PDB file of N, CA and C in Angstrom:
ATOM      1  N   MET A   1      30.172  41.868   4.585  1.00  0.00           N
ATOM      2  CA  MET A   1      29.424  41.457   3.417  1.00  0.00           C
ATOM      3  C   MET A   1      29.814  40.047   2.993  1.00  0.00           C
ATOM      4  N   LEU A   2      31.113  39.761   3.012  1.00  0.00           N
ATOM      5  CA  LEU A   2      31.589  38.443   2.645  1.00  0.00           C
ATOM      6  C   LEU A   2      31.118  37.398   3.637  1.00  0.00           C
ATOM      7  N   ALA A   3      31.093  37.729   4.939  1.00  0.00           N
ATOM      8  CA  ALA A   3      30.627  36.779   5.956  1.00  0.00           C
ATOM      9  C   ALA A   3      29.165  36.416   5.725  1.00  0.00           C
ATOM     10  N   ALA A   4      28.354  37.383   5.345  1.00  0.00           N
ATOM     11  CA  ALA A   4      26.945  37.107   5.060  1.00  0.00           C
ATOM     12  C   ALA A   4      26.817  36.178   3.862  1.00  0.00           C
ATOM     13  N   SER A   5      27.634  36.363   2.876  1.00  0.00           N
ATOM     14  CA  SER A   5      27.570  35.515   1.693  1.00  0.00           C
ATOM     15  C   SER A   5      27.943  34.076   2.027  1.00  0.00           C
ATOM     16  N   ILE A   6      28.972  33.885   2.836  1.00  0.00           N
ATOM     17  CA  ILE A   6      29.393  32.545   3.242  1.00  0.00           C
ATOM     18  C   ILE A   6      28.288  31.899   4.072  1.00  0.00           C
ATOM     19  N   PHE A   7      27.669  32.677   4.967  1.00  0.00           N
ATOM     20  CA  PHE A   7      26.578  32.158   5.785  1.00  0.00           C
ATOM     21  C   PHE A   7      25.405  31.725   4.907  1.00  0.00           C
ATOM     22  N   GLU A   8      25.063  32.538   3.924  1.00  0.00           N
ATOM     23  CA  GLU A   8      23.967  32.194   3.018  1.00  0.00           C
ATOM     24  C   GLU A   8      24.273  30.924   2.228  1.00  0.00           C
ATOM     25  N   VAL A   9      25.502  30.796   1.759  1.00  0.00           N
ATOM     26  CA  VAL A   9      25.905  29.602   1.016  1.00  0.00           C
ATOM     27  C   VAL A   9      25.829  28.377   1.926  1.00  0.00           C
ATOM     28  N   ALA A  10      26.266  28.514   3.184  1.00  0.00           N
ATOM     29  CA  ALA A  10      26.198  27.394   4.127  1.00  0.00           C
ATOM     30  C   ALA A  10      24.755  26.971   4.351  1.00  0.00           C
ATOM     31  N   ASN A  11      23.854  27.934   4.481  1.00  0.00           N
ATOM     32  CA  ASN A  11      22.429  27.605   4.646  1.00  0.00           C
ATOM     33  C   ASN A  11      21.870  26.900   3.417  1.00  0.00           C
ATOM     34  N   ILE A  12      22.235  27.374   2.257  1.00  0.00           N
ATOM     35  CA  ILE A  12      21.762  26.742   1.016  1.00  0.00           C
ATOM     36  C   ILE A  12      22.264  25.306   0.937  1.00  0.00           C
ATOM     37  N   LEU A  13      23.536  25.088   1.273  1.00  0.00           N
ATOM     38  CA  LEU A  13      24.093  23.737   1.249  1.00  0.00           C
ATOM     39  C   LEU A  13      23.405  22.847   2.278  1.00  0.00           C
ATOM     40  N   ARG A  14      23.110  23.378   3.463  1.00  0.00           N
ATOM     41  CA  ARG A  14      22.437  22.600   4.500  1.00  0.00           C
ATOM     42  C   ARG A  14      21.051  22.187   4.034  1.00  0.00           C
ATOM     43  N   VAL A  15      20.325  23.119   3.411  1.00  0.00           N
ATOM     44  CA  VAL A  15      18.993  22.819   2.892  1.00  0.00           C
ATOM     45  C   VAL A  15      19.103  21.771   1.792  1.00  0.00           C
ATOM     46  N   LYS A  16      20.095  21.895   0.936  1.00  0.00           N
ATOM     47  CA  LYS A  16      20.286  20.934  -0.145  1.00  0.00           C
ATOM     48  C   LYS A  16      20.549  19.540   0.416  1.00  0.00           C
ATOM     49  N   GLN A  17      21.357  19.449   1.488  1.00  0.00           N
ATOM     50  CA  GLN A  17      21.634  18.155   2.098  1.00  0.00           C
ATOM     51  C   GLN A  17      20.381  17.566   2.724  1.00  0.00           C
ATOM     52  N   LEU A  18      19.585  18.381   3.394  1.00  0.00           N
ATOM     53  CA  LEU A  18      18.337  17.897   3.956  1.00  0.00           C
ATOM     54  C   LEU A  18      17.427  17.380   2.854  1.00  0.00           C
ATOM     55  N   THR A  19      17.391  18.110   1.773  1.00  0.00           N
ATOM     56  CA  THR A  19      16.545  17.705   0.667  1.00  0.00           C
ATOM     57  C   THR A  19      17.026  16.378   0.091  1.00  0.00           C
ATOM     58  N   GLN A  20      18.340  16.221  -0.050  1.00  0.00           N
ATOM     59  CA  GLN A  20      18.880  14.955  -0.533  1.00  0.00           C
ATOM     60  C   GLN A  20      18.530  13.824   0.429  1.00  0.00           C
ATOM     61  N   HIS A  21      18.693  14.061   1.721  1.00  0.00           N
ATOM     62  CA  HIS A  21      18.360  13.045   2.723  1.00  0.00           C
ATOM     63  C   HIS A  21      16.876  12.694   2.664  1.00  0.00           C
ATOM     64  N   GLN A  22      16.046  13.721   2.550  1.00  0.00           N
ATOM     65  CA  GLN A  22      14.604  13.482   2.464  1.00  0.00           C
ATOM     66  C   GLN A  22      14.260  12.705   1.198  1.00  0.00           C
ATOM     67  N   CYS A  23      14.936  13.013   0.106  1.00  0.00           N
ATOM     68  CA  CYS A  23      14.687  12.294  -1.144  1.00  0.00           C
ATOM     69  C   CYS A  23      15.083  10.831  -1.012  1.00  0.00           C
ATOM     70  N   LEU A  24      16.230  10.569  -0.403  1.00  0.00           N
ATOM     71  CA  LEU A  24      16.665   9.183  -0.220  1.00  0.00           C
ATOM     72  C   LEU A  24      15.708   8.430   0.689  1.00  0.00           C
ATOM     73  N   SER A  25      15.228   9.105   1.728  1.00  0.00           N
ATOM     74  CA  SER A  25      14.276   8.476   2.634  1.00  0.00           C
ATOM     75  C   SER A  25      12.966   8.170   1.910  1.00  0.00           C
ATOM     76  N   ALA A  26      12.491   9.109   1.117  1.00  0.00           N
ATOM     77  CA  ALA A  26      11.256   8.904   0.355  1.00  0.00           C
ATOM     78  C   ALA A  26      11.444   7.803  -0.676  1.00  0.00           C
ATOM     79  N   GLU A  27      12.607   7.765  -1.298  1.00  0.00           N
ATOM     80  CA  GLU A  27      12.883   6.724  -2.290  1.00  0.00           C
ATOM     81  C   GLU A  27      12.847   5.345  -1.640  1.00  0.00           C
ATOM     82  N   SER A  28      13.407   5.229  -0.464  1.00  0.00           N
ATOM     83  CA  SER A  28      13.402   3.957   0.251  1.00  0.00           C
ATOM     84  C   SER A  28      11.980   3.549   0.620  1.00  0.00           C
ATOM     85  N   ALA A  29      11.201   4.499   1.104  1.00  0.00           N
ATOM     86  CA  ALA A  29       9.813   4.209   1.487  1.00  0.00           C
ATOM     87  C   ALA A  29       8.988   3.796   0.269  1.00  0.00           C
ATOM     88  N   LEU A  30       9.160   4.508  -0.842  1.00  0.00           N
ATOM     89  CA  LEU A  30       8.425   4.162  -2.058  1.00  0.00           C
ATOM     90  C   LEU A  30       8.850   2.801  -2.588  1.00  0.00           C
ATOM     91  N   SER A  31      10.125   2.506  -2.487  1.00  0.00           N
ATOM     92  CA  SER A  31      10.616   1.211  -2.939  1.00  0.00           C
ATOM     93  C   SER A  31       9.983   0.080  -2.137  1.00  0.00           C
ATOM     94  N   LYS A  32       9.886   0.257  -0.818  1.00  0.00           N
ATOM     95  CA  LYS A  32       9.235  -0.744   0.036  1.00  0.00           C
ATOM     96  C   LYS A  32       7.753  -0.871  -0.317  1.00  0.00           C
ATOM     97  N   ALA A  33       7.091   0.273  -0.459  1.00  0.00           N
ATOM     98  CA  ALA A  33       5.653   0.271  -0.753  1.00  0.00           C
ATOM     99  C   ALA A  33       5.365  -0.413  -2.081  1.00  0.00           C
ATOM    100  N   PHE A  34       6.100  -0.047  -3.122  1.00  0.00           N
ATOM    101  CA  PHE A  34       5.840  -0.646  -4.428  1.00  0.00           C
ATOM    102  C   PHE A  34       6.339  -2.078  -4.518  1.00  0.00           C
ATOM    103  N   GLY A  35       7.289  -2.460  -3.656  1.00  0.00           N
ATOM    104  CA  GLY A  35       7.700  -3.860  -3.585  1.00  0.00           C
ATOM    105  C   GLY A  35       6.543  -4.751  -3.189  1.00  0.00           C
ATOM    106  N   LEU A  36       5.695  -4.265  -2.308  1.00  0.00           N
ATOM    107  CA  LEU A  36       4.525  -5.022  -1.875  1.00  0.00           C
ATOM    108  C   LEU A  36       3.314  -4.725  -2.760  1.00  0.00           C
ATOM    109  N   LEU A  37       3.002  -3.457  -2.925  1.00  0.00           N
ATOM    110  CA  LEU A  37       1.795  -3.073  -3.657  1.00  0.00           C
ATOM    111  C   LEU A  37       1.920  -3.283  -5.161  1.00  0.00           C
ATOM    112  N   GLY A  38       3.157  -3.356  -5.658  1.00  0.00           N
ATOM    113  CA  GLY A  38       3.377  -3.533  -7.080  1.00  0.00           C
ATOM    114  C   GLY A  38       3.239  -4.977  -7.542  1.00  0.00           C
ATOM    115  N   LYS A  39       3.116  -5.895  -6.607  1.00  0.00           N
ATOM    116  CA  LYS A  39       2.930  -7.290  -6.996  1.00  0.00           C
ATOM    117  C   LYS A  39       1.558  -7.452  -7.637  1.00  0.00           C
ATOM    118  N   ARG A  40       1.518  -8.302  -8.635  1.00  0.00           N
ATOM    119  CA  ARG A  40       0.262  -8.513  -9.345  1.00  0.00           C
ATOM    120  C   ARG A  40      -0.836  -8.926  -8.369  1.00  0.00           C
ATOM    121  N   TRP A  41      -1.967  -8.310  -8.481  1.00  0.00           N
ATOM    122  CA  TRP A  41      -3.195  -8.554  -7.725  1.00  0.00           C
ATOM    123  C   TRP A  41      -3.237  -7.883  -6.360  1.00  0.00           C
ATOM    124  N   SER A  42      -2.127  -7.418  -5.813  1.00  0.00           N
ATOM    125  CA  SER A  42      -2.158  -6.833  -4.463  1.00  0.00           C
ATOM    126  C   SER A  42      -3.110  -5.652  -4.368  1.00  0.00           C
ATOM    127  N   ALA A  43      -2.970  -4.702  -5.288  1.00  0.00           N
ATOM    128  CA  ALA A  43      -3.824  -3.511  -5.249  1.00  0.00           C
ATOM    129  C   ALA A  43      -5.281  -3.874  -5.526  1.00  0.00           C
ATOM    130  N   VAL A  44      -5.503  -4.852  -6.397  1.00  0.00           N
ATOM    131  CA  VAL A  44      -6.872  -5.272  -6.711  1.00  0.00           C
ATOM    132  C   VAL A  44      -7.525  -5.893  -5.482  1.00  0.00           C
ATOM    133  N   VAL A  45      -6.782  -6.739  -4.775  1.00  0.00           N
ATOM    134  CA  VAL A  45      -7.313  -7.363  -3.556  1.00  0.00           C
ATOM    135  C   VAL A  45      -7.624  -6.293  -2.512  1.00  0.00           C
ATOM    136  N   LEU A  46      -6.695  -5.347  -2.312  1.00  0.00           N
ATOM    137  CA  LEU A  46      -6.933  -4.277  -1.339  1.00  0.00           C
ATOM    138  C   LEU A  46      -8.131  -3.426  -1.740  1.00  0.00           C
ATOM    139  N   GLY A  47      -8.217  -3.079  -3.007  1.00  0.00           N
ATOM    140  CA  GLY A  47      -9.350  -2.272  -3.483  1.00  0.00           C
ATOM    141  C   GLY A  47     -10.676  -3.000  -3.331  1.00  0.00           C
ATOM    142  N   THR A  48     -10.671  -4.299  -3.575  1.00  0.00           N
ATOM    143  CA  THR A  48     -11.895  -5.090  -3.429  1.00  0.00           C
ATOM    144  C   THR A  48     -12.322  -5.140  -1.976  1.00  0.00           C
ATOM    145  N   LEU A  49     -11.374  -5.346  -1.078  1.00  0.00           N
ATOM    146  CA  LEU A  49     -11.704  -5.351   0.353  1.00  0.00           C
ATOM    147  C   LEU A  49     -12.161  -3.968   0.812  1.00  0.00           C
ATOM    148  N   GLY A  50     -11.573  -2.924   0.236  1.00  0.00           N
ATOM    149  CA  GLY A  50     -11.964  -1.561   0.589  1.00  0.00           C
ATOM    150  C   GLY A  50     -13.369  -1.231   0.152  1.00  0.00           C
ATOM    151  N   ALA A  51     -13.770  -1.786  -0.976  1.00  0.00           N
ATOM    152  CA  ALA A  51     -15.105  -1.497  -1.497  1.00  0.00           C
ATOM    153  C   ALA A  51     -16.178  -2.373  -0.878  1.00  0.00           C
ATOM    154  N   GLY A  52     -15.799  -3.604  -0.500  1.00  0.00           N
ATOM    155  CA  GLY A  52     -16.811  -4.561  -0.065  1.00  0.00           C
ATOM    156  C   GLY A  52     -16.835  -4.893   1.411  1.00  0.00           C
ATOM    157  N   GLY A  53     -15.880  -4.441   2.167  1.00  0.00           N
ATOM    158  CA  GLY A  53     -15.843  -4.780   3.586  1.00  0.00           C
ATOM    159  C   GLY A  53     -15.358  -6.202   3.812  1.00  0.00           C
ATOM    160  N   PRO A  54     -15.544  -6.724   5.019  1.00  0.00           N
ATOM    161  CA  PRO A  54     -15.069  -8.075   5.341  1.00  0.00           C
ATOM    162  C   PRO A  54     -15.625  -9.109   4.358  1.00  0.00           C
ATOM    163  N   THR A  55     -14.722  -9.957   3.867  1.00  0.00           N
ATOM    164  CA  THR A  55     -15.084 -10.891   2.808  1.00  0.00           C
ATOM    165  C   THR A  55     -14.406 -12.230   3.048  1.00  0.00           C
ATOM    166  N   GLY A  56     -15.104 -13.298   2.765  1.00  0.00           N
ATOM    167  CA  GLY A  56     -14.530 -14.635   2.827  1.00  0.00           C
ATOM    168  C   GLY A  56     -13.661 -14.912   1.617  1.00  0.00           C
ATOM    169  N   PHE A  57     -12.810 -15.936   1.743  1.00  0.00           N
ATOM    170  CA  PHE A  57     -11.875 -16.276   0.670  1.00  0.00           C
ATOM    171  C   PHE A  57     -12.598 -16.565  -0.647  1.00  0.00           C
ATOM    172  N   ARG A  58     -13.613 -17.425  -0.623  1.00  0.00           N
ATOM    173  CA  ARG A  58     -14.311 -17.827  -1.843  1.00  0.00           C
ATOM    174  C   ARG A  58     -14.972 -16.629  -2.511  1.00  0.00           C
ATOM    175  N   GLU A  59     -15.637 -15.804  -1.725  1.00  0.00           N
ATOM    176  CA  GLU A  59     -16.295 -14.616  -2.276  1.00  0.00           C
ATOM    177  C   GLU A  59     -15.272 -13.652  -2.868  1.00  0.00           C
ATOM    178  N   LEU A  60     -14.146 -13.501  -2.184  1.00  0.00           N
ATOM    179  CA  LEU A  60     -13.077 -12.629  -2.674  1.00  0.00           C
ATOM    180  C   LEU A  60     -12.531 -13.160  -3.998  1.00  0.00           C
ATOM    181  N   SER A  61     -12.349 -14.457  -4.079  1.00  0.00           N
ATOM    182  CA  SER A  61     -11.864 -15.080  -5.312  1.00  0.00           C
ATOM    183  C   SER A  61     -12.822 -14.837  -6.472  1.00  0.00           C
ATOM    184  N   ARG A  62     -14.115 -14.977  -6.222  1.00  0.00           N
ATOM    185  CA  ARG A  62     -15.119 -14.729  -7.272  1.00  0.00           C
ATOM    186  C   ARG A  62     -15.145 -13.258  -7.673  1.00  0.00           C
ATOM    187  N   THR A  63     -15.069 -12.383  -6.693  1.00  0.00           N
ATOM    188  CA  THR A  63     -15.153 -10.945  -6.967  1.00  0.00           C
ATOM    189  C   THR A  63     -13.954 -10.455  -7.768  1.00  0.00           C
ATOM    190  N   VAL A  64     -12.766 -10.904  -7.390  1.00  0.00           N
ATOM    191  CA  VAL A  64     -11.563 -10.474  -8.101  1.00  0.00           C
ATOM    192  C   VAL A  64     -11.548 -11.078  -9.501  1.00  0.00           C
ATOM    193  N   GLY A  65     -11.857 -12.334  -9.640  1.00  0.00           N
ATOM    194  CA  GLY A  65     -11.931 -12.980 -10.950  1.00  0.00           C
ATOM    195  C   GLY A  65     -10.588 -13.048 -11.650  1.00  0.00           C
ATOM    196  N   GLY A  66     -10.237 -14.220 -12.131  1.00  0.00           N
ATOM    197  CA  GLY A  66      -8.996 -14.394 -12.879  1.00  0.00           C
ATOM    198  C   GLY A  66      -7.782 -14.690 -12.025  1.00  0.00           C
ATOM    199  N   ILE A  67      -7.911 -14.635 -10.724  1.00  0.00           N
ATOM    200  CA  ILE A  67      -6.797 -14.899  -9.824  1.00  0.00           C
ATOM    201  C   ILE A  67      -6.906 -16.347  -9.345  1.00  0.00           C
ATOM    202  N   SER A  68      -5.778 -17.046  -9.341  1.00  0.00           N
ATOM    203  CA  SER A  68      -5.803 -18.426  -8.864  1.00  0.00           C
ATOM    204  C   SER A  68      -5.891 -18.436  -7.338  1.00  0.00           C
ATOM    205  N   ASP A  69      -6.384 -19.546  -6.794  1.00  0.00           N
ATOM    206  CA  ASP A  69      -6.490 -19.660  -5.335  1.00  0.00           C
ATOM    207  C   ASP A  69      -5.128 -19.544  -4.663  1.00  0.00           C
ATOM    208  N   SER A  70      -4.093 -20.120  -5.271  1.00  0.00           N
ATOM    209  CA  SER A  70      -2.770 -20.069  -4.635  1.00  0.00           C
ATOM    210  C   SER A  70      -2.203 -18.644  -4.629  1.00  0.00           C
ATOM    211  N   VAL A  71      -2.407 -17.901  -5.709  1.00  0.00           N
ATOM    212  CA  VAL A  71      -1.933 -16.512  -5.746  1.00  0.00           C
ATOM    213  C   VAL A  71      -2.733 -15.656  -4.777  1.00  0.00           C
ATOM    214  N   LEU A  72      -4.048 -15.842  -4.727  1.00  0.00           N
ATOM    215  CA  LEU A  72      -4.869 -15.098  -3.774  1.00  0.00           C
ATOM    216  C   LEU A  72      -4.422 -15.391  -2.347  1.00  0.00           C
ATOM    217  N   SER A  73      -4.175 -16.647  -2.053  1.00  0.00           N
ATOM    218  CA  SER A  73      -3.706 -17.027  -0.727  1.00  0.00           C
ATOM    219  C   SER A  73      -2.368 -16.369  -0.406  1.00  0.00           C
ATOM    220  N   ASP A  74      -1.452 -16.368  -1.381  1.00  0.00           N
ATOM    221  CA  ASP A  74      -0.142 -15.722  -1.183  1.00  0.00           C
ATOM    222  C   ASP A  74      -0.299 -14.232  -0.925  1.00  0.00           C
ATOM    223  N   ARG A  75      -1.128 -13.558  -1.730  1.00  0.00           N
ATOM    224  CA  ARG A  75      -1.310 -12.110  -1.565  1.00  0.00           C
ATOM    225  C   ARG A  75      -1.953 -11.792  -0.218  1.00  0.00           C
ATOM    226  N   LEU A  76      -2.955 -12.557   0.170  1.00  0.00           N
ATOM    227  CA  LEU A  76      -3.607 -12.318   1.456  1.00  0.00           C
ATOM    228  C   LEU A  76      -2.620 -12.523   2.605  1.00  0.00           C
ATOM    229  N   THR A  77      -1.777 -13.533   2.501  1.00  0.00           N
ATOM    230  CA  THR A  77      -0.765 -13.770   3.536  1.00  0.00           C
ATOM    231  C   THR A  77       0.203 -12.599   3.612  1.00  0.00           C
ATOM    232  N   GLU A  78       0.708 -12.142   2.458  1.00  0.00           N
ATOM    233  CA  GLU A  78       1.647 -11.019   2.428  1.00  0.00           C
ATOM    234  C   GLU A  78       1.010  -9.738   2.967  1.00  0.00           C
ATOM    235  N   LEU A  79      -0.216  -9.473   2.547  1.00  0.00           N
ATOM    236  CA  LEU A  79      -0.898  -8.251   2.987  1.00  0.00           C
ATOM    237  C   LEU A  79      -1.241  -8.313   4.471  1.00  0.00           C
ATOM    238  N   THR A  80      -1.535  -9.504   4.967  1.00  0.00           N
ATOM    239  CA  THR A  80      -1.802  -9.684   6.402  1.00  0.00           C
ATOM    240  C   THR A  80      -0.517  -9.478   7.194  1.00  0.00           C
ATOM    241  N   GLN A  81       0.590 -10.064   6.718  1.00  0.00           N
ATOM    242  CA  GLN A  81       1.870  -9.902   7.399  1.00  0.00           C
ATOM    243  C   GLN A  81       2.338  -8.450   7.400  1.00  0.00           C
ATOM    244  N   ALA A  82       1.981  -7.706   6.356  1.00  0.00           N
ATOM    245  CA  ALA A  82       2.345  -6.285   6.274  1.00  0.00           C
ATOM    246  C   ALA A  82       1.422  -5.408   7.121  1.00  0.00           C
ATOM    247  N   GLY A  83       0.372  -6.004   7.680  1.00  0.00           N
ATOM    248  CA  GLY A  83      -0.536  -5.242   8.532  1.00  0.00           C
ATOM    249  C   GLY A  83      -1.592  -4.460   7.773  1.00  0.00           C
ATOM    250  N   LEU A  84      -1.775  -4.760   6.486  1.00  0.00           N
ATOM    251  CA  LEU A  84      -2.761  -4.039   5.683  1.00  0.00           C
ATOM    252  C   LEU A  84      -4.119  -4.729   5.678  1.00  0.00           C
ATOM    253  N   VAL A  85      -4.125  -6.009   5.998  1.00  0.00           N
ATOM    254  CA  VAL A  85      -5.346  -6.816   5.994  1.00  0.00           C
ATOM    255  C   VAL A  85      -5.420  -7.577   7.318  1.00  0.00           C
ATOM    256  N   THR A  86      -6.619  -7.720   7.836  1.00  0.00           N
ATOM    257  CA  THR A  86      -6.823  -8.554   9.025  1.00  0.00           C
ATOM    258  C   THR A  86      -7.492  -9.853   8.604  1.00  0.00           C
ATOM    259  N   ARG A  87      -7.158 -10.908   9.296  1.00  0.00           N
ATOM    260  CA  ARG A  87      -7.737 -12.235   9.037  1.00  0.00           C
ATOM    261  C   ARG A  87      -8.441 -12.668  10.309  1.00  0.00           C
ATOM    262  N   THR A  88      -9.744 -12.927  10.209  1.00  0.00           N
ATOM    263  CA  THR A  88     -10.542 -13.317  11.366  1.00  0.00           C
ATOM    264  C   THR A  88     -11.071 -14.727  11.150  1.00  0.00           C
ATOM    265  N   VAL A  89     -10.780 -15.605  12.131  1.00  0.00           N
ATOM    266  CA  VAL A  89     -11.254 -16.982  12.075  1.00  0.00           C
ATOM    267  C   VAL A  89     -12.356 -17.143  13.112  1.00  0.00           C
ATOM    268  N   VAL A  90     -13.516 -17.626  12.654  1.00  0.00           N
ATOM    269  CA  VAL A  90     -14.633 -17.903  13.557  1.00  0.00           C
ATOM    270  C   VAL A  90     -14.743 -19.421  13.668  1.00  0.00           C
ATOM    271  N   GLU A  91     -14.509 -19.923  14.899  1.00  0.00           N
ATOM    272  CA  GLU A  91     -14.551 -21.371  15.138  1.00  0.00           C
ATOM    273  C   GLU A  91     -15.976 -21.885  15.080  1.00  0.00           C
ATOM    274  N   GLY A  92     -16.078 -23.169  14.923  1.00  0.00           N
ATOM    275  CA  GLY A  92     -17.391 -23.810  14.923  1.00  0.00           C
ATOM    276  C   GLY A  92     -17.732 -24.331  13.556  1.00  0.00           C
ATOM    277  N   PRO A  93     -18.415 -25.423  13.564  1.00  0.00           N
ATOM    278  CA  PRO A  93     -18.671 -26.006  12.248  1.00  0.00           C
ATOM    279  C   PRO A  93     -19.641 -25.154  11.455  1.00  0.00           C
ATOM    280  N   PRO A  94     -19.304 -24.781  10.283  1.00  0.00           N
ATOM    281  CA  PRO A  94     -17.975 -24.859   9.682  1.00  0.00           C
ATOM    282  C   PRO A  94     -17.115 -23.676  10.135  1.00  0.00           C
ATOM    283  N   ILE A  95     -15.794 -23.848  10.053  1.00  0.00           N
ATOM    284  CA  ILE A  95     -14.871 -22.753  10.374  1.00  0.00           C
ATOM    285  C   ILE A  95     -15.030 -21.684   9.292  1.00  0.00           C
ATOM    286  N   SER A  96     -15.092 -20.438   9.716  1.00  0.00           N
ATOM    287  CA  SER A  96     -15.274 -19.327   8.789  1.00  0.00           C
ATOM    288  C   SER A  96     -14.080 -18.376   8.905  1.00  0.00           C
ATOM    289  N   VAL A  97     -13.537 -17.982   7.777  1.00  0.00           N
ATOM    290  CA  VAL A  97     -12.410 -17.041   7.747  1.00  0.00           C
ATOM    291  C   VAL A  97     -12.827 -15.842   6.905  1.00  0.00           C
ATOM    292  N   THR A  98     -12.659 -14.655   7.458  1.00  0.00           N
ATOM    293  CA  THR A  98     -12.941 -13.437   6.692  1.00  0.00           C
ATOM    294  C   THR A  98     -11.715 -12.540   6.688  1.00  0.00           C
ATOM    295  N   TYR A  99     -11.614 -11.769   5.638  1.00  0.00           N
ATOM    296  CA  TYR A  99     -10.527 -10.817   5.464  1.00  0.00           C
ATOM    297  C   TYR A  99     -11.126  -9.422   5.359  1.00  0.00           C
ATOM    298  N   ALA A 100     -10.422  -8.456   5.948  1.00  0.00           N
ATOM    299  CA  ALA A 100     -10.878  -7.068   5.901  1.00  0.00           C
ATOM    300  C   ALA A 100      -9.659  -6.154   5.911  1.00  0.00           C
ATOM    301  N   LEU A 101      -9.855  -4.929   5.472  1.00  0.00           N
ATOM    302  CA  LEU A 101      -8.766  -3.953   5.568  1.00  0.00           C
ATOM    303  C   LEU A 101      -8.535  -3.583   7.021  1.00  0.00           C
ATOM    304  N   SER A 102      -7.279  -3.474   7.397  1.00  0.00           N
ATOM    305  CA  SER A 102      -6.941  -2.925   8.708  1.00  0.00           C
ATOM    306  C   SER A 102      -6.969  -1.397   8.579  1.00  0.00           C
ATOM    307  N   GLU A 103      -6.703  -0.703   9.673  1.00  0.00           N
ATOM    308  CA  GLU A 103      -6.625   0.769   9.595  1.00  0.00           C
ATOM    309  C   GLU A 103      -5.531   1.189   8.629  1.00  0.00           C
ATOM    310  N   ARG A 104      -4.417   0.467   8.662  1.00  0.00           N
ATOM    311  CA  ARG A 104      -3.304   0.784   7.755  1.00  0.00           C
ATOM    312  C   ARG A 104      -3.717   0.573   6.305  1.00  0.00           C
ATOM    313  N   GLY A 105      -4.448  -0.494   6.048  1.00  0.00           N
ATOM    314  CA  GLY A 105      -4.924  -0.751   4.692  1.00  0.00           C
ATOM    315  C   GLY A 105      -5.929   0.283   4.234  1.00  0.00           C
ATOM    316  N   ALA A 106      -6.844   0.648   5.135  1.00  0.00           N
ATOM    317  CA  ALA A 106      -7.851   1.660   4.798  1.00  0.00           C
ATOM    318  C   ALA A 106      -7.197   3.011   4.515  1.00  0.00           C
ATOM    319  N   ALA A 107      -6.062   3.276   5.154  1.00  0.00           N
ATOM    320  CA  ALA A 107      -5.353   4.536   4.920  1.00  0.00           C
ATOM    321  C   ALA A 107      -4.814   4.638   3.499  1.00  0.00           C
ATOM    322  N   LEU A 108      -4.690   3.511   2.811  1.00  0.00           N
ATOM    323  CA  LEU A 108      -4.223   3.516   1.423  1.00  0.00           C
ATOM    324  C   LEU A 108      -5.304   3.898   0.415  1.00  0.00           C
ATOM    325  N   MET A 109      -6.557   3.773   0.784  1.00  0.00           N
ATOM    326  CA  MET A 109      -7.640   3.970  -0.182  1.00  0.00           C
ATOM    327  C   MET A 109      -7.630   5.351  -0.836  1.00  0.00           C
ATOM    328  N   PRO A 110      -7.404   6.445  -0.111  1.00  0.00           N
ATOM    329  CA  PRO A 110      -7.326   7.747  -0.798  1.00  0.00           C
ATOM    330  C   PRO A 110      -6.184   7.804  -1.816  1.00  0.00           C
ATOM    331  N   ALA A 111      -5.056   7.169  -1.497  1.00  0.00           N
ATOM    332  CA  ALA A 111      -3.935   7.143  -2.450  1.00  0.00           C
ATOM    333  C   ALA A 111      -4.313   6.341  -3.692  1.00  0.00           C
ATOM    334  N   PHE A 112      -4.993   5.208  -3.509  1.00  0.00           N
ATOM    335  CA  PHE A 112      -5.448   4.409  -4.645  1.00  0.00           C
ATOM    336  C   PHE A 112      -6.419   5.207  -5.514  1.00  0.00           C
ATOM    337  N   GLU A 113      -7.299   5.978  -4.887  1.00  0.00           N
ATOM    338  CA  GLU A 113      -8.238   6.804  -5.651  1.00  0.00           C
ATOM    339  C   GLU A 113      -7.497   7.841  -6.479  1.00  0.00           C
ATOM    340  N   GLN A 114      -6.463   8.451  -5.897  1.00  0.00           N
ATOM    341  CA  GLN A 114      -5.688   9.445  -6.635  1.00  0.00           C
ATOM    342  C   GLN A 114      -4.915   8.801  -7.782  1.00  0.00           C
ATOM    343  N   ILE A 115      -4.348   7.624  -7.547  1.00  0.00           N
ATOM    344  CA  ILE A 115      -3.626   6.920  -8.606  1.00  0.00           C
ATOM    345  C   ILE A 115      -4.594   6.542  -9.720  1.00  0.00           C
ATOM    346  N   SER A 116      -5.784   6.104  -9.362  1.00  0.00           N
ATOM    347  CA  SER A 116      -6.795   5.746 -10.362  1.00  0.00           C
ATOM    348  C   SER A 116      -7.178   6.959 -11.200  1.00  0.00           C
ATOM    349  N   THR A 117      -7.384   8.087 -10.557  1.00  0.00           N
ATOM    350  CA  THR A 117      -7.719   9.325 -11.272  1.00  0.00           C
ATOM    351  C   THR A 117      -6.586   9.712 -12.210  1.00  0.00           C
ATOM    352  N   TRP A 118      -5.353   9.653 -11.707  1.00  0.00           N
ATOM    353  CA  TRP A 118      -4.189   9.979 -12.524  1.00  0.00           C
ATOM    354  C   TRP A 118      -4.116   9.054 -13.733  1.00  0.00           C
ATOM    355  N   ALA A 119      -4.307   7.753 -13.524  1.00  0.00           N
ATOM    356  CA  ALA A 119      -4.223   6.771 -14.605  1.00  0.00           C
ATOM    357  C   ALA A 119      -5.290   7.031 -15.667  1.00  0.00           C
ATOM    358  N   GLN A 120      -6.490   7.376 -15.244  1.00  0.00           N
ATOM    359  CA  GLN A 120      -7.558   7.658 -16.205  1.00  0.00           C
ATOM    360  C   GLN A 120      -7.218   8.884 -17.053  1.00  0.00           C
ATOM    361  N   GLU A 121      -6.540   9.853 -16.457  1.00  0.00           N
ATOM    362  CA  GLU A 121      -6.208  11.080 -17.169  1.00  0.00           C
ATOM    363  C   GLU A 121      -4.969  10.947 -18.044  1.00  0.00           C
ATOM    364  N   HIS A 122      -4.010  10.104 -17.635  1.00  0.00           N
ATOM    365  CA  HIS A 122      -2.709  10.110 -18.292  1.00  0.00           C
ATOM    366  C   HIS A 122      -2.306   8.815 -18.990  1.00  0.00           C
ATOM    367  N   LEU A 123      -3.018   7.736 -18.745  1.00  0.00           N
ATOM    368  CA  LEU A 123      -2.623   6.473 -19.386  1.00  0.00           C
ATOM    369  C   LEU A 123      -3.648   6.028 -20.404  1.00  0.00           C
TER     370      LEU A 123
END
């Protein structure tokens, strides 16, 4: 009877350690995600690209509204480097650059919808 109790306690402790490890891993992942997505305008730019498809810089700037060209450029660079946005350059006069969500960026849209729903209900 005592051996069974020790075994059960060992299993509970093992599960607790896994849970702690999983929590630390999730905390690290969330910290990375919000480090990028929590920057001002990042989520707005991603949401705009998600709703409108491939968009040029000028059109994106007009659609977002209130964002400076330098901040928009910085956010697009960061989001492109993170693999959430693709940048396509079409040569020829004039040179055309469009931005679109990558597969990784598009995978965020359901999460953004859930956050939006939560915010409408709770904030």
